[in-house]
Amino acid sequence: MSAVKNPLAHLSDDQLVEEHSRSGANSHYVSEMLRRHMKSSADLGDKIWWLNFWLLMFTIAIALLTGVLVWTAFRTGFK
């Protein structure tokens, strides 16, 4: 079984919109724009996931360090 080659993959985003404007309601252009949008959304989602992960790690580290400071203050009697 051979893979289907996308005939619109070589077009830039601006060219794709221009061709779609000229051709009217052609589902090939709409589906290609949707495919590109979904790919860029997925890429952005991956970046946001890693940002959330690192923010969580830093929040946990700050909470642990705060706990150590409070524990040390109680242990030494606030001297």
PDB file of N, CA and C in Angstrom:
ATOM      1  N   MET A   1       0.854  -1.180   0.000  1.00  0.00           N
ATOM      2  CA  MET A   1       0.000   0.000   0.000  1.00  0.00           C
ATOM      3  C   MET A   1       0.894   1.234   0.000  1.00  0.00           C
ATOM      4  N   SER A   2       0.698   2.128  -0.940  1.00  0.00           N
ATOM      5  CA  SER A   2       1.530   3.327  -1.027  1.00  0.00           C
ATOM      6  C   SER A   2       0.876   4.475  -0.273  1.00  0.00           C
ATOM      7  N   ALA A   3       1.723   5.334   0.264  1.00  0.00           N
ATOM      8  CA  ALA A   3       1.220   6.489   1.006  1.00  0.00           C
ATOM      9  C   ALA A   3       0.724   7.545   0.018  1.00  0.00           C
ATOM     10  N   VAL A   4      -0.316   8.241   0.399  1.00  0.00           N
ATOM     11  CA  VAL A   4      -0.871   9.297  -0.435  1.00  0.00           C
ATOM     12  C   VAL A   4      -0.032  10.556  -0.220  1.00  0.00           C
ATOM     13  N   LYS A   5       0.446  11.140  -1.322  1.00  0.00           N
ATOM     14  CA  LYS A   5       1.262  12.348  -1.236  1.00  0.00           C
ATOM     15  C   LYS A   5       0.348  13.562  -1.219  1.00  0.00           C
ATOM     16  N   ASN A   6       0.635  14.480  -0.332  1.00  0.00           N
ATOM     17  CA  ASN A   6      -0.159  15.687  -0.199  1.00  0.00           C
ATOM     18  C   ASN A   6       0.262  16.694  -1.280  1.00  0.00           C
ATOM     19  N   PRO A   7      -0.603  17.035  -2.213  1.00  0.00           N
ATOM     20  CA  PRO A   7      -0.220  17.945  -3.299  1.00  0.00           C
ATOM     21  C   PRO A   7      -0.082  19.402  -2.847  1.00  0.00           C
ATOM     22  N   LEU A   8      -0.536  19.726  -1.656  1.00  0.00           N
ATOM     23  CA  LEU A   8      -0.483  21.110  -1.183  1.00  0.00           C
ATOM     24  C   LEU A   8       0.617  21.340  -0.148  1.00  0.00           C
ATOM     25  N   ALA A   9       1.385  20.325   0.159  1.00  0.00           N
ATOM     26  CA  ALA A   9       2.396  20.438   1.215  1.00  0.00           C
ATOM     27  C   ALA A   9       3.487  21.441   0.878  1.00  0.00           C
ATOM     28  N   HIS A  10       3.749  21.655  -0.408  1.00  0.00           N
ATOM     29  CA  HIS A  10       4.824  22.570  -0.798  1.00  0.00           C
ATOM     30  C   HIS A  10       4.440  24.037  -0.661  1.00  0.00           C
ATOM     31  N   LEU A  11       3.161  24.349  -0.522  1.00  0.00           N
ATOM     32  CA  LEU A  11       2.708  25.733  -0.428  1.00  0.00           C
ATOM     33  C   LEU A  11       2.966  26.307   0.964  1.00  0.00           C
ATOM     34  N   SER A  12       3.345  27.579   1.000  1.00  0.00           N
ATOM     35  CA  SER A  12       3.469  28.252   2.292  1.00  0.00           C
ATOM     36  C   SER A  12       2.065  28.542   2.821  1.00  0.00           C
ATOM     37  N   ASP A  13       1.975  28.962   4.060  1.00  0.00           N
ATOM     38  CA  ASP A  13       0.664  29.257   4.632  1.00  0.00           C
ATOM     39  C   ASP A  13      -0.035  30.371   3.854  1.00  0.00           C
ATOM     40  N   ASP A  14       0.715  31.415   3.506  1.00  0.00           N
ATOM     41  CA  ASP A  14       0.121  32.527   2.752  1.00  0.00           C
ATOM     42  C   ASP A  14      -0.344  32.077   1.370  1.00  0.00           C
ATOM     43  N   GLN A  15       0.460  31.255   0.701  1.00  0.00           N
ATOM     44  CA  GLN A  15       0.074  30.751  -0.618  1.00  0.00           C
ATOM     45  C   GLN A  15      -1.167  29.866  -0.517  1.00  0.00           C
ATOM     46  N   LEU A  16      -1.241  29.089   0.539  1.00  0.00           N
ATOM     47  CA  LEU A  16      -2.381  28.196   0.732  1.00  0.00           C
ATOM     48  C   LEU A  16      -3.667  29.001   0.892  1.00  0.00           C
ATOM     49  N   VAL A  17      -3.615  30.057   1.691  1.00  0.00           N
ATOM     50  CA  VAL A  17      -4.797  30.907   1.884  1.00  0.00           C
ATOM     51  C   VAL A  17      -5.167  31.595   0.570  1.00  0.00           C
ATOM     52  N   GLU A  18      -4.165  32.070  -0.156  1.00  0.00           N
ATOM     53  CA  GLU A  18      -4.424  32.729  -1.438  1.00  0.00           C
ATOM     54  C   GLU A  18      -5.083  31.771  -2.434  1.00  0.00           C
ATOM     55  N   GLU A  19      -4.562  30.555  -2.529  1.00  0.00           N
ATOM     56  CA  GLU A  19      -5.147  29.557  -3.434  1.00  0.00           C
ATOM     57  C   GLU A  19      -6.569  29.205  -3.014  1.00  0.00           C
ATOM     58  N   HIS A  20      -6.798  29.108  -1.726  1.00  0.00           N
ATOM     59  CA  HIS A  20      -8.138  28.806  -1.231  1.00  0.00           C
ATOM     60  C   HIS A  20      -9.095  29.936  -1.586  1.00  0.00           C
ATOM     61  N   SER A  21      -8.630  31.177  -1.479  1.00  0.00           N
ATOM     62  CA  SER A  21      -9.474  32.326  -1.812  1.00  0.00           C
ATOM     63  C   SER A  21      -9.848  32.324  -3.287  1.00  0.00           C
ATOM     64  N   ARG A  22      -8.926  31.906  -4.125  1.00  0.00           N
ATOM     65  CA  ARG A  22      -9.182  31.875  -5.564  1.00  0.00           C
ATOM     66  C   ARG A  22     -10.105  30.725  -5.965  1.00  0.00           C
ATOM     67  N   SER A  23      -9.972  29.592  -5.313  1.00  0.00           N
ATOM     68  CA  SER A  23     -10.700  28.399  -5.755  1.00  0.00           C
ATOM     69  C   SER A  23     -12.079  28.265  -5.145  1.00  0.00           C
ATOM     70  N   GLY A  24     -12.383  29.048  -4.141  1.00  0.00           N
ATOM     71  CA  GLY A  24     -13.699  28.930  -3.520  1.00  0.00           C
ATOM     72  C   GLY A  24     -13.733  27.816  -2.491  1.00  0.00           C
ATOM     73  N   ALA A  25     -14.835  27.108  -2.436  1.00  0.00           N
ATOM     74  CA  ALA A  25     -15.044  26.093  -1.403  1.00  0.00           C
ATOM     75  C   ALA A  25     -14.431  24.760  -1.830  1.00  0.00           C
ATOM     76  N   ASN A  26     -13.113  24.701  -1.837  1.00  0.00           N
ATOM     77  CA  ASN A  26     -12.423  23.462  -2.174  1.00  0.00           C
ATOM     78  C   ASN A  26     -11.959  22.819  -0.866  1.00  0.00           C
ATOM     79  N   SER A  27     -12.445  21.635  -0.599  1.00  0.00           N
ATOM     80  CA  SER A  27     -12.167  20.990   0.682  1.00  0.00           C
ATOM     81  C   SER A  27     -10.699  20.616   0.851  1.00  0.00           C
ATOM     82  N   HIS A  28      -9.948  20.494  -0.247  1.00  0.00           N
ATOM     83  CA  HIS A  28      -8.526  20.152  -0.132  1.00  0.00           C
ATOM     84  C   HIS A  28      -7.755  21.264   0.584  1.00  0.00           C
ATOM     85  N   TYR A  29      -8.054  22.498   0.242  1.00  0.00           N
ATOM     86  CA  TYR A  29      -7.364  23.620   0.880  1.00  0.00           C
ATOM     87  C   TYR A  29      -7.766  23.745   2.343  1.00  0.00           C
ATOM     88  N   VAL A  30      -9.047  23.552   2.609  1.00  0.00           N
ATOM     89  CA  VAL A  30      -9.525  23.632   3.990  1.00  0.00           C
ATOM     90  C   VAL A  30      -8.907  22.524   4.834  1.00  0.00           C
ATOM     91  N   SER A  31      -8.865  21.324   4.296  1.00  0.00           N
ATOM     92  CA  SER A  31      -8.308  20.208   5.069  1.00  0.00           C
ATOM     93  C   SER A  31      -6.806  20.397   5.305  1.00  0.00           C
ATOM     94  N   GLU A  32      -6.091  20.969   4.323  1.00  0.00           N
ATOM     95  CA  GLU A  32      -4.659  21.217   4.513  1.00  0.00           C
ATOM     96  C   GLU A  32      -4.434  22.292   5.572  1.00  0.00           C
ATOM     97  N   MET A  33      -5.251  23.354   5.559  1.00  0.00           N
ATOM     98  CA  MET A  33      -5.124  24.398   6.583  1.00  0.00           C
ATOM     99  C   MET A  33      -5.430  23.809   7.962  1.00  0.00           C
ATOM    100  N   LEU A  34      -6.446  22.960   8.042  1.00  0.00           N
ATOM    101  CA  LEU A  34      -6.796  22.329   9.306  1.00  0.00           C
ATOM    102  C   LEU A  34      -5.675  21.410   9.786  1.00  0.00           C
ATOM    103  N   ARG A  35      -5.056  20.656   8.879  1.00  0.00           N
ATOM    104  CA  ARG A  35      -3.950  19.769   9.249  1.00  0.00           C
ATOM    105  C   ARG A  35      -2.784  20.567   9.808  1.00  0.00           C
ATOM    106  N   ARG A  36      -2.444  21.663   9.143  1.00  0.00           N
ATOM    107  CA  ARG A  36      -1.342  22.503   9.630  1.00  0.00           C
ATOM    108  C   ARG A  36      -1.664  23.125  10.986  1.00  0.00           C
ATOM    109  N   HIS A  37      -2.916  23.560  11.140  1.00  0.00           N
ATOM    110  CA  HIS A  37      -3.330  24.142  12.415  1.00  0.00           C
ATOM    111  C   HIS A  37      -3.241  23.108  13.544  1.00  0.00           C
ATOM    112  N   MET A  38      -3.693  21.898  13.267  1.00  0.00           N
ATOM    113  CA  MET A  38      -3.653  20.849  14.294  1.00  0.00           C
ATOM    114  C   MET A  38      -2.221  20.506  14.664  1.00  0.00           C
ATOM    115  N   LYS A  39      -1.312  20.470  13.699  1.00  0.00           N
ATOM    116  CA  LYS A  39       0.092  20.168  13.977  1.00  0.00           C
ATOM    117  C   LYS A  39       0.721  21.269  14.823  1.00  0.00           C
ATOM    118  N   SER A  40       0.473  22.531  14.456  1.00  0.00           N
ATOM    119  CA  SER A  40       1.058  23.627  15.234  1.00  0.00           C
ATOM    120  C   SER A  40       0.444  23.686  16.631  1.00  0.00           C
ATOM    121  N   SER A  41      -0.829  23.349  16.763  1.00  0.00           N
ATOM    122  CA  SER A  41      -1.468  23.307  18.078  1.00  0.00           C
ATOM    123  C   SER A  41      -0.865  22.201  18.944  1.00  0.00           C
ATOM    124  N   ALA A  42      -0.601  21.055  18.334  1.00  0.00           N
ATOM    125  CA  ALA A  42       0.006  19.949  19.071  1.00  0.00           C
ATOM    126  C   ALA A  42       1.423  20.319  19.518  1.00  0.00           C
ATOM    127  N   ASP A  43       2.178  20.993  18.652  1.00  0.00           N
ATOM    128  CA  ASP A  43       3.531  21.430  19.023  1.00  0.00           C
ATOM    129  C   ASP A  43       3.487  22.410  20.187  1.00  0.00           C
ATOM    130  N   LEU A  44       2.559  23.353  20.135  1.00  0.00           N
ATOM    131  CA  LEU A  44       2.410  24.311  21.220  1.00  0.00           C
ATOM    132  C   LEU A  44       1.988  23.608  22.501  1.00  0.00           C
ATOM    133  N   GLY A  45       1.098  22.629  22.395  1.00  0.00           N
ATOM    134  CA  GLY A  45       0.663  21.867  23.566  1.00  0.00           C
ATOM    135  C   GLY A  45       1.816  21.134  24.232  1.00  0.00           C
ATOM    136  N   ASP A  46       2.726  20.585  23.422  1.00  0.00           N
ATOM    137  CA  ASP A  46       3.903  19.912  23.982  1.00  0.00           C
ATOM    138  C   ASP A  46       4.779  20.888  24.742  1.00  0.00           C
ATOM    139  N   LYS A  47       4.980  22.081  24.193  1.00  0.00           N
ATOM    140  CA  LYS A  47       5.797  23.094  24.870  1.00  0.00           C
ATOM    141  C   LYS A  47       5.148  23.531  26.178  1.00  0.00           C
ATOM    142  N   ILE A  48       3.842  23.709  26.149  1.00  0.00           N
ATOM    143  CA  ILE A  48       3.133  24.124  27.367  1.00  0.00           C
ATOM    144  C   ILE A  48       3.195  23.024  28.417  1.00  0.00           C
ATOM    145  N   TRP A  49       3.122  21.757  28.000  1.00  0.00           N
ATOM    146  CA  TRP A  49       3.211  20.657  28.957  1.00  0.00           C
ATOM    147  C   TRP A  49       4.542  20.706  29.691  1.00  0.00           C
ATOM    148  N   TRP A  50       5.639  20.898  28.952  1.00  0.00           N
ATOM    149  CA  TRP A  50       6.958  20.959  29.591  1.00  0.00           C
ATOM    150  C   TRP A  50       7.081  22.180  30.486  1.00  0.00           C
ATOM    151  N   LEU A  51       6.511  23.313  30.080  1.00  0.00           N
ATOM    152  CA  LEU A  51       6.525  24.505  30.928  1.00  0.00           C
ATOM    153  C   LEU A  51       5.788  24.225  32.236  1.00  0.00           C
ATOM    154  N   ASN A  52       4.628  23.601  32.143  1.00  0.00           N
ATOM    155  CA  ASN A  52       3.874  23.252  33.353  1.00  0.00           C
ATOM    156  C   ASN A  52       4.655  22.288  34.240  1.00  0.00           C
ATOM    157  N   PHE A  53       5.330  21.330  33.635  1.00  0.00           N
ATOM    158  CA  PHE A  53       6.128  20.365  34.391  1.00  0.00           C
ATOM    159  C   PHE A  53       7.221  21.080  35.190  1.00  0.00           C
ATOM    160  N   TRP A  54       7.973  21.960  34.523  1.00  0.00           N
ATOM    161  CA  TRP A  54       9.069  22.653  35.207  1.00  0.00           C
ATOM    162  C   TRP A  54       8.550  23.638  36.247  1.00  0.00           C
ATOM    163  N   LEU A  55       7.425  24.286  35.981  1.00  0.00           N
ATOM    164  CA  LEU A  55       6.832  25.161  36.994  1.00  0.00           C
ATOM    165  C   LEU A  55       6.422  24.358  38.227  1.00  0.00           C
ATOM    166  N   LEU A  56       5.881  23.177  38.031  1.00  0.00           N
ATOM    167  CA  LEU A  56       5.521  22.319  39.150  1.00  0.00           C
ATOM    168  C   LEU A  56       6.760  21.900  39.941  1.00  0.00           C
ATOM    169  N   MET A  57       7.838  21.533  39.236  1.00  0.00           N
ATOM    170  CA  MET A  57       9.081  21.128  39.917  1.00  0.00           C
ATOM    171  C   MET A  57       9.644  22.273  40.756  1.00  0.00           C
ATOM    172  N   PHE A  58       9.665  23.492  40.198  1.00  0.00           N
ATOM    173  CA  PHE A  58      10.173  24.635  40.950  1.00  0.00           C
ATOM    174  C   PHE A  58       9.268  24.970  42.134  1.00  0.00           C
ATOM    175  N   THR A  59       7.964  24.821  41.966  1.00  0.00           N
ATOM    176  CA  THR A  59       7.037  25.062  43.081  1.00  0.00           C
ATOM    177  C   THR A  59       7.273  24.062  44.203  1.00  0.00           C
ATOM    178  N   ILE A  60       7.472  22.807  43.865  1.00  0.00           N
ATOM    179  CA  ILE A  60       7.759  21.785  44.872  1.00  0.00           C
ATOM    180  C   ILE A  60       9.081  22.083  45.566  1.00  0.00           C
ATOM    181  N   ALA A  61      10.095  22.490  44.800  1.00  0.00           N
ATOM    182  CA  ALA A  61      11.402  22.821  45.395  1.00  0.00           C
ATOM    183  C   ALA A  61      11.276  23.997  46.352  1.00  0.00           C
ATOM    184  N   ILE A  62      10.521  25.017  45.979  1.00  0.00           N
ATOM    185  CA  ILE A  62      10.327  26.174  46.861  1.00  0.00           C
ATOM    186  C   ILE A  62       9.587  25.763  48.129  1.00  0.00           C
ATOM    187  N   ALA A  63       8.578  24.913  47.994  1.00  0.00           N
ATOM    188  CA  ALA A  63       7.829  24.443  49.163  1.00  0.00           C
ATOM    189  C   ALA A  63       8.741  23.641  50.093  1.00  0.00           C
ATOM    190  N   LEU A  64       9.582  22.785  49.525  1.00  0.00           N
ATOM    191  CA  LEU A  64      10.505  22.003  50.359  1.00  0.00           C
ATOM    192  C   LEU A  64      11.513  22.901  51.071  1.00  0.00           C
ATOM    193  N   LEU A  65      12.067  23.860  50.367  1.00  0.00           N
ATOM    194  CA  LEU A  65      13.019  24.781  50.995  1.00  0.00           C
ATOM    195  C   LEU A  65      12.356  25.620  52.077  1.00  0.00           C
ATOM    196  N   THR A  66      11.118  26.027  51.855  1.00  0.00           N
ATOM    197  CA  THR A  66      10.379  26.763  52.878  1.00  0.00           C
ATOM    198  C   THR A  66      10.150  25.876  54.099  1.00  0.00           C
ATOM    199  N   GLY A  67       9.816  24.617  53.857  1.00  0.00           N
ATOM    200  CA  GLY A  67       9.638  23.674  54.964  1.00  0.00           C
ATOM    201  C   GLY A  67      10.919  23.501  55.770  1.00  0.00           C
ATOM    202  N   VAL A  68      12.056  23.429  55.078  1.00  0.00           N
ATOM    203  CA  VAL A  68      13.341  23.304  55.781  1.00  0.00           C
ATOM    204  C   VAL A  68      13.607  24.542  56.623  1.00  0.00           C
ATOM    205  N   LEU A  69      13.330  25.711  56.091  1.00  0.00           N
ATOM    206  CA  LEU A  69      13.542  26.946  56.850  1.00  0.00           C
ATOM    207  C   LEU A  69      12.651  27.009  58.086  1.00  0.00           C
ATOM    208  N   VAL A  70      11.379  26.636  57.947  1.00  0.00           N
ATOM    209  CA  VAL A  70      10.457  26.653  59.085  1.00  0.00           C
ATOM    210  C   VAL A  70      10.893  25.620  60.125  1.00  0.00           C
ATOM    211  N   TRP A  71      11.263  24.422  59.670  1.00  0.00           N
ATOM    212  CA  TRP A  71      11.704  23.376  60.592  1.00  0.00           C
ATOM    213  C   TRP A  71      12.960  23.832  61.345  1.00  0.00           C
ATOM    214  N   THR A  72      13.902  24.452  60.639  1.00  0.00           N
ATOM    215  CA  THR A  72      15.129  24.941  61.275  1.00  0.00           C
ATOM    216  C   THR A  72      14.808  26.028  62.291  1.00  0.00           C
ATOM    217  N   ALA A  73      13.882  26.915  61.973  1.00  0.00           N
ATOM    218  CA  ALA A  73      13.503  27.986  62.903  1.00  0.00           C
ATOM    219  C   ALA A  73      12.883  27.406  64.166  1.00  0.00           C
ATOM    220  N   PHE A  74      12.023  26.419  64.042  1.00  0.00           N
ATOM    221  CA  PHE A  74      11.412  25.805  65.234  1.00  0.00           C
ATOM    222  C   PHE A  74      12.432  25.021  66.030  1.00  0.00           C
ATOM    223  N   ARG A  75      13.339  24.346  65.365  1.00  0.00           N
ATOM    224  CA  ARG A  75      14.340  23.539  66.040  1.00  0.00           C
ATOM    225  C   ARG A  75      15.336  24.387  66.828  1.00  0.00           C
ATOM    226  N   THR A  76      15.700  25.535  66.291  1.00  0.00           N
ATOM    227  CA  THR A  76      16.675  26.391  66.986  1.00  0.00           C
ATOM    228  C   THR A  76      15.997  27.361  67.945  1.00  0.00           C
ATOM    229  N   GLY A  77      14.699  27.383  67.968  1.00  0.00           N
ATOM    230  CA  GLY A  77      13.977  28.234  68.918  1.00  0.00           C
ATOM    231  C   GLY A  77      13.953  29.692  68.509  1.00  0.00           C
ATOM    232  N   PHE A  78      13.964  29.988  67.235  1.00  0.00           N
ATOM    233  CA  PHE A  78      13.885  31.355  66.712  1.00  0.00           C
ATOM    234  C   PHE A  78      14.986  32.259  67.227  1.00  0.00           C
ATOM    235  N   LYS A  79      16.208  31.754  67.353  1.00  0.00           N
ATOM    236  CA  LYS A  79      17.313  32.559  67.890  1.00  0.00           C
ATOM    237  C   LYS A  79      17.854  33.504  66.859  1.00  0.00           C
TER     238      LYS A  79
END
